[in-house]
């Protein structure tokens, strides 16, 4: 059960990182290339969804 909670905490940390990068990109450009900036912002959100799904499934199986 601890692994499920760890994955959920890690997922929300990834969400926080993605949200911070997105907020910073609204104020100024993070990188020189727009495509790199899009990938830099979307990777943490993608990891958030994958880790959140795996964490919830692990917690669901344990209960």
PDB file of N, CA and C in Angstrom:
ATOM      1  N   UNK A   1       0.822  -1.186   0.000  1.00  0.00           N
ATOM      2  CA  UNK A   1       0.000   0.000   0.000  1.00  0.00           C
ATOM      3  C   UNK A   1       0.870   1.257   0.000  1.00  0.00           C
ATOM      4  N   UNK A   2       2.050   1.154   0.598  1.00  0.00           N
ATOM      5  CA  UNK A   2       2.927   2.314   0.633  1.00  0.00           C
ATOM      6  C   UNK A   2       3.368   2.717  -0.769  1.00  0.00           C
ATOM      7  N   UNK A   3       3.534   1.725  -1.655  1.00  0.00           N
ATOM      8  CA  UNK A   3       3.973   2.035  -3.008  1.00  0.00           C
ATOM      9  C   UNK A   3       2.889   2.800  -3.768  1.00  0.00           C
ATOM     10  N   UNK A   4       1.646   2.485  -3.528  1.00  0.00           N
ATOM     11  CA  UNK A   4       0.551   3.206  -4.173  1.00  0.00           C
ATOM     12  C   UNK A   4       0.512   4.661  -3.752  1.00  0.00           C
ATOM     13  N   UNK A   5       0.672   4.905  -2.457  1.00  0.00           N
ATOM     14  CA  UNK A   5       0.699   6.279  -1.970  1.00  0.00           C
ATOM     15  C   UNK A   5       1.922   7.022  -2.483  1.00  0.00           C
ATOM     16  N   UNK A   6       3.060   6.332  -2.556  1.00  0.00           N
ATOM     17  CA  UNK A   6       4.273   6.954  -3.078  1.00  0.00           C
ATOM     18  C   UNK A   6       4.077   7.378  -4.531  1.00  0.00           C
ATOM     19  N   UNK A   7       3.441   6.534  -5.327  1.00  0.00           N
ATOM     20  CA  UNK A   7       3.198   6.871  -6.726  1.00  0.00           C
ATOM     21  C   UNK A   7       2.237   8.051  -6.856  1.00  0.00           C
ATOM     22  N   UNK A   8       1.252   8.124  -5.986  1.00  0.00           N
ATOM     23  CA  UNK A   8       0.330   9.262  -6.030  1.00  0.00           C
ATOM     24  C   UNK A   8       1.024  10.563  -5.641  1.00  0.00           C
ATOM     25  N   UNK A   9       1.877  10.507  -4.620  1.00  0.00           N
ATOM     26  CA  UNK A   9       2.630  11.700  -4.224  1.00  0.00           C
ATOM     27  C   UNK A   9       3.559  12.127  -5.350  1.00  0.00           C
ATOM     28  N   UNK A  10       4.231  11.160  -5.973  1.00  0.00           N
ATOM     29  CA  UNK A  10       5.118  11.460  -7.094  1.00  0.00           C
ATOM     30  C   UNK A  10       4.331  12.032  -8.276  1.00  0.00           C
ATOM     31  N   UNK A  11       3.128  11.536  -8.490  1.00  0.00           N
ATOM     32  CA  UNK A  11       2.287  12.049  -9.572  1.00  0.00           C
ATOM     33  C   UNK A  11       1.926  13.510  -9.328  1.00  0.00           C
ATOM     34  N   UNK A  12       1.549  13.852  -8.112  1.00  0.00           N
ATOM     35  CA  UNK A  12       1.178  15.231  -7.842  1.00  0.00           C
ATOM     36  C   UNK A  12       2.382  16.164  -7.843  1.00  0.00           C
ATOM     37  N   UNK A  13       3.568  15.645  -7.534  1.00  0.00           N
ATOM     38  CA  UNK A  13       4.788  16.443  -7.678  1.00  0.00           C
ATOM     39  C   UNK A  13       5.038  16.736  -9.156  1.00  0.00           C
ATOM     40  N   UNK A  14       4.814  15.744 -10.018  1.00  0.00           N
ATOM     41  CA  UNK A  14       4.956  15.962 -11.464  1.00  0.00           C
ATOM     42  C   UNK A  14       3.943  16.995 -11.954  1.00  0.00           C
ATOM     43  N   UNK A  15       2.721  16.952 -11.412  1.00  0.00           N
ATOM     44  CA  UNK A  15       1.713  17.945 -11.782  1.00  0.00           C
ATOM     45  C   UNK A  15       2.165  19.338 -11.366  1.00  0.00           C
ATOM     46  N   UNK A  16       2.724  19.447 -10.166  1.00  0.00           N
ATOM     47  CA  UNK A  16       3.199  20.737  -9.674  1.00  0.00           C
ATOM     48  C   UNK A  16       4.323  21.268 -10.558  1.00  0.00           C
ATOM     49  N   UNK A  17       5.258  20.400 -10.940  1.00  0.00           N
ATOM     50  CA  UNK A  17       6.357  20.814 -11.817  1.00  0.00           C
ATOM     51  C   UNK A  17       5.808  21.272 -13.170  1.00  0.00           C
ATOM     52  N   UNK A  18       4.883  20.517 -13.732  1.00  0.00           N
ATOM     53  CA  UNK A  18       4.286  20.900 -15.006  1.00  0.00           C
ATOM     54  C   UNK A  18       3.542  22.220 -14.921  1.00  0.00           C
ATOM     55  N   UNK A  19       2.846  22.430 -13.831  1.00  0.00           N
ATOM     56  CA  UNK A  19       2.091  23.672 -13.672  1.00  0.00           C
ATOM     57  C   UNK A  19       3.029  24.858 -13.493  1.00  0.00           C
ATOM     58  N   UNK A  20       4.115  24.673 -12.759  1.00  0.00           N
ATOM     59  CA  UNK A  20       5.096  25.749 -12.588  1.00  0.00           C
ATOM     60  C   UNK A  20       5.744  26.091 -13.925  1.00  0.00           C
ATOM     61  N   UNK A  21       6.131  25.063 -14.698  1.00  0.00           N
ATOM     62  CA  UNK A  21       6.728  25.318 -16.011  1.00  0.00           C
ATOM     63  C   UNK A  21       5.751  26.024 -16.937  1.00  0.00           C
ATOM     64  N   UNK A  22       4.489  25.636 -16.892  1.00  0.00           N
ATOM     65  CA  UNK A  22       3.479  26.276 -17.727  1.00  0.00           C
ATOM     66  C   UNK A  22       3.289  27.736 -17.318  1.00  0.00           C
ATOM     67  N   UNK A  23       3.257  27.999 -16.008  1.00  0.00           N
ATOM     68  CA  UNK A  23       3.086  29.372 -15.532  1.00  0.00           C
ATOM     69  C   UNK A  23       4.272  30.244 -15.922  1.00  0.00           C
ATOM     70  N   UNK A  24       5.473  29.688 -15.812  1.00  0.00           N
ATOM     71  CA  UNK A  24       6.665  30.442 -16.200  1.00  0.00           C
ATOM     72  C   UNK A  24       6.659  30.704 -17.702  1.00  0.00           C
ATOM     73  N   UNK A  25       6.190  29.746 -18.484  1.00  0.00           N
ATOM     74  CA  UNK A  25       6.171  29.934 -19.939  1.00  0.00           C
ATOM     75  C   UNK A  25       5.165  31.006 -20.353  1.00  0.00           C
ATOM     76  N   UNK A  26       4.148  31.246 -19.532  1.00  0.00           N
ATOM     77  CA  UNK A  26       3.220  32.331 -19.839  1.00  0.00           C
ATOM     78  C   UNK A  26       3.889  33.691 -19.683  1.00  0.00           C
ATOM     79  N   UNK A  27       4.795  33.790 -18.709  1.00  0.00           N
ATOM     80  CA  UNK A  27       5.462  35.064 -18.453  1.00  0.00           C
ATOM     81  C   UNK A  27       6.599  35.328 -19.432  1.00  0.00           C
ATOM     82  N   UNK A  28       7.408  34.306 -19.703  1.00  0.00           N
ATOM     83  CA  UNK A  28       8.504  34.456 -20.660  1.00  0.00           C
ATOM     84  C   UNK A  28       8.840  33.097 -21.252  1.00  0.00           C
ATOM     85  N   UNK A  29       9.628  33.102 -22.309  1.00  0.00           N
ATOM     86  CA  UNK A  29       9.979  31.859 -22.986  1.00  0.00           C
ATOM     87  C   UNK A  29      10.991  31.072 -22.162  1.00  0.00           C
ATOM     88  N   UNK A  30      10.745  29.775 -22.022  1.00  0.00           N
ATOM     89  CA  UNK A  30      11.671  28.904 -21.298  1.00  0.00           C
ATOM     90  C   UNK A  30      12.830  28.520 -22.201  1.00  0.00           C
ATOM     91  N   UNK A  31      12.530  28.160 -23.430  1.00  0.00           N
ATOM     92  CA  UNK A  31      13.565  27.724 -24.364  1.00  0.00           C
ATOM     93  C   UNK A  31      13.477  28.550 -25.644  1.00  0.00           C
ATOM     94  N   UNK A  32      14.447  28.349 -26.503  1.00  0.00           N
ATOM     95  CA  UNK A  32      14.482  29.095 -27.756  1.00  0.00           C
ATOM     96  C   UNK A  32      13.539  28.503 -28.804  1.00  0.00           C
ATOM     97  N   UNK A  33      13.278  27.225 -28.709  1.00  0.00           N
ATOM     98  CA  UNK A  33      12.447  26.541 -29.691  1.00  0.00           C
ATOM     99  C   UNK A  33      11.064  26.276 -29.088  1.00  0.00           C
ATOM    100  N   UNK A  34      10.016  26.607 -29.814  1.00  0.00           N
ATOM    101  CA  UNK A  34       8.657  26.433 -29.294  1.00  0.00           C
ATOM    102  C   UNK A  34       8.304  24.960 -29.111  1.00  0.00           C
ATOM    103  N   UNK A  35       8.774  24.102 -30.004  1.00  0.00           N
ATOM    104  CA  UNK A  35       8.495  22.676 -29.895  1.00  0.00           C
ATOM    105  C   UNK A  35       9.128  22.087 -28.634  1.00  0.00           C
ATOM    106  N   UNK A  36      10.357  22.495 -28.324  1.00  0.00           N
ATOM    107  CA  UNK A  36      11.004  22.023 -27.098  1.00  0.00           C
ATOM    108  C   UNK A  36      10.259  22.497 -25.860  1.00  0.00           C
ATOM    109  N   UNK A  37       9.756  23.708 -25.914  1.00  0.00           N
ATOM    110  CA  UNK A  37       9.006  24.241 -24.778  1.00  0.00           C
ATOM    111  C   UNK A  37       7.708  23.464 -24.560  1.00  0.00           C
ATOM    112  N   UNK A  38       7.035  23.109 -25.640  1.00  0.00           N
ATOM    113  CA  UNK A  38       5.797  22.333 -25.529  1.00  0.00           C
ATOM    114  C   UNK A  38       6.082  20.968 -24.913  1.00  0.00           C
ATOM    115  N   UNK A  39       7.145  20.300 -25.382  1.00  0.00           N
ATOM    116  CA  UNK A  39       7.501  18.996 -24.822  1.00  0.00           C
ATOM    117  C   UNK A  39       7.933  19.116 -23.370  1.00  0.00           C
ATOM    118  N   UNK A  40       8.672  20.178 -23.047  1.00  0.00           N
ATOM    119  CA  UNK A  40       9.137  20.373 -21.677  1.00  0.00           C
ATOM    120  C   UNK A  40       7.965  20.548 -20.717  1.00  0.00           C
ATOM    121  N   UNK A  41       6.907  21.165 -21.181  1.00  0.00           N
ATOM    122  CA  UNK A  41       5.726  21.368 -20.339  1.00  0.00           C
ATOM    123  C   UNK A  41       4.859  20.112 -20.292  1.00  0.00           C
ATOM    124  N   UNK A  42       4.710  19.408 -21.402  1.00  0.00           N
ATOM    125  CA  UNK A  42       3.778  18.280 -21.469  1.00  0.00           C
ATOM    126  C   UNK A  42       4.308  16.995 -20.859  1.00  0.00           C
ATOM    127  N   UNK A  43       5.612  16.810 -20.784  1.00  0.00           N
ATOM    128  CA  UNK A  43       6.159  15.575 -20.206  1.00  0.00           C
ATOM    129  C   UNK A  43       5.768  15.412 -18.736  1.00  0.00           C
ATOM    130  N   UNK A  44       5.897  16.444 -17.872  1.00  0.00           N
ATOM    131  CA  UNK A  44       5.442  16.248 -16.485  1.00  0.00           C
ATOM    132  C   UNK A  44       3.948  15.955 -16.365  1.00  0.00           C
ATOM    133  N   UNK A  45       3.119  16.559 -17.218  1.00  0.00           N
ATOM    134  CA  UNK A  45       1.685  16.270 -17.169  1.00  0.00           C
ATOM    135  C   UNK A  45       1.390  14.844 -17.622  1.00  0.00           C
ATOM    136  N   UNK A  46       2.129  14.361 -18.601  1.00  0.00           N
ATOM    137  CA  UNK A  46       1.976  12.969 -19.031  1.00  0.00           C
ATOM    138  C   UNK A  46       2.392  11.995 -17.946  1.00  0.00           C
ATOM    139  N   UNK A  47       3.513  12.298 -17.279  1.00  0.00           N
ATOM    140  CA  UNK A  47       3.954  11.452 -16.167  1.00  0.00           C
ATOM    141  C   UNK A  47       2.950  11.488 -15.021  1.00  0.00           C
ATOM    142  N   UNK A  48       2.332  12.655 -14.801  1.00  0.00           N
ATOM    143  CA  UNK A  48       1.305  12.774 -13.770  1.00  0.00           C
ATOM    144  C   UNK A  48       0.154  11.815 -14.046  1.00  0.00           C
ATOM    145  N   UNK A  49      -0.300  11.772 -15.280  1.00  0.00           N
ATOM    146  CA  UNK A  49      -1.444  10.910 -15.588  1.00  0.00           C
ATOM    147  C   UNK A  49      -1.077   9.434 -15.489  1.00  0.00           C
ATOM    148  N   UNK A  50       0.105   9.060 -15.956  1.00  0.00           N
ATOM    149  CA  UNK A  50       0.515   7.653 -15.904  1.00  0.00           C
ATOM    150  C   UNK A  50       0.748   7.202 -14.467  1.00  0.00           C
ATOM    151  N   UNK A  51       1.501   7.997 -13.693  1.00  0.00           N
ATOM    152  CA  UNK A  51       1.787   7.619 -12.307  1.00  0.00           C
ATOM    153  C   UNK A  51       0.524   7.627 -11.457  1.00  0.00           C
ATOM    154  N   UNK A  52      -0.365   8.589 -11.705  1.00  0.00           N
ATOM    155  CA  UNK A  52      -1.620   8.630 -10.967  1.00  0.00           C
ATOM    156  C   UNK A  52      -2.480   7.410 -11.243  1.00  0.00           C
ATOM    157  N   UNK A  53      -2.544   7.003 -12.499  1.00  0.00           N
ATOM    158  CA  UNK A  53      -3.333   5.827 -12.864  1.00  0.00           C
ATOM    159  C   UNK A  53      -2.762   4.566 -12.225  1.00  0.00           C
ATOM    160  N   UNK A  54      -1.456   4.389 -12.287  1.00  0.00           N
ATOM    161  CA  UNK A  54      -0.831   3.202 -11.691  1.00  0.00           C
ATOM    162  C   UNK A  54      -1.004   3.206 -10.175  1.00  0.00           C
ATOM    163  N   UNK A  55      -0.836   4.373  -9.541  1.00  0.00           N
ATOM    164  CA  UNK A  55      -0.996   4.461  -8.094  1.00  0.00           C
ATOM    165  C   UNK A  55      -2.403   4.145  -7.637  1.00  0.00           C
ATOM    166  N   UNK A  56      -3.393   4.656  -8.354  1.00  0.00           N
ATOM    167  CA  UNK A  56      -4.789   4.391  -7.992  1.00  0.00           C
ATOM    168  C   UNK A  56      -5.118   2.920  -8.193  1.00  0.00           C
ATOM    169  N   UNK A  57      -4.620   2.322  -9.265  1.00  0.00           N
ATOM    170  CA  UNK A  57      -4.879   0.899  -9.491  1.00  0.00           C
ATOM    171  C   UNK A  57      -4.243   0.034  -8.409  1.00  0.00           C
ATOM    172  N   UNK A  58      -3.039   0.390  -7.965  1.00  0.00           N
ATOM    173  CA  UNK A  58      -2.394  -0.369  -6.891  1.00  0.00           C
ATOM    174  C   UNK A  58      -3.179  -0.245  -5.585  1.00  0.00           C
ATOM    175  N   UNK A  59      -3.660   0.954  -5.283  1.00  0.00           N
ATOM    176  CA  UNK A  59      -4.457   1.133  -4.067  1.00  0.00           C
ATOM    177  C   UNK A  59      -5.797   0.412  -4.174  1.00  0.00           C
ATOM    178  N   UNK A  60      -6.387   0.390  -5.357  1.00  0.00           N
ATOM    179  CA  UNK A  60      -7.671  -0.285  -5.547  1.00  0.00           C
ATOM    180  C   UNK A  60      -7.528  -1.794  -5.373  1.00  0.00           C
ATOM    181  N   UNK A  61      -6.448  -2.354  -5.859  1.00  0.00           N
ATOM    182  CA  UNK A  61      -6.236  -3.797  -5.731  1.00  0.00           C
ATOM    183  C   UNK A  61      -5.987  -4.205  -4.287  1.00  0.00           C
ATOM    184  N   UNK A  62      -5.361  -3.332  -3.497  1.00  0.00           N
ATOM    185  CA  UNK A  62      -5.059  -3.667  -2.098  1.00  0.00           C
ATOM    186  C   UNK A  62      -6.298  -3.602  -1.216  1.00  0.00           C
ATOM    187  N   UNK A  63      -7.285  -2.794  -1.599  1.00  0.00           N
ATOM    188  CA  UNK A  63      -8.455  -2.644  -0.724  1.00  0.00           C
ATOM    189  C   UNK A  63      -9.503  -3.708  -0.948  1.00  0.00           C
TER     190      UNK A  63
END
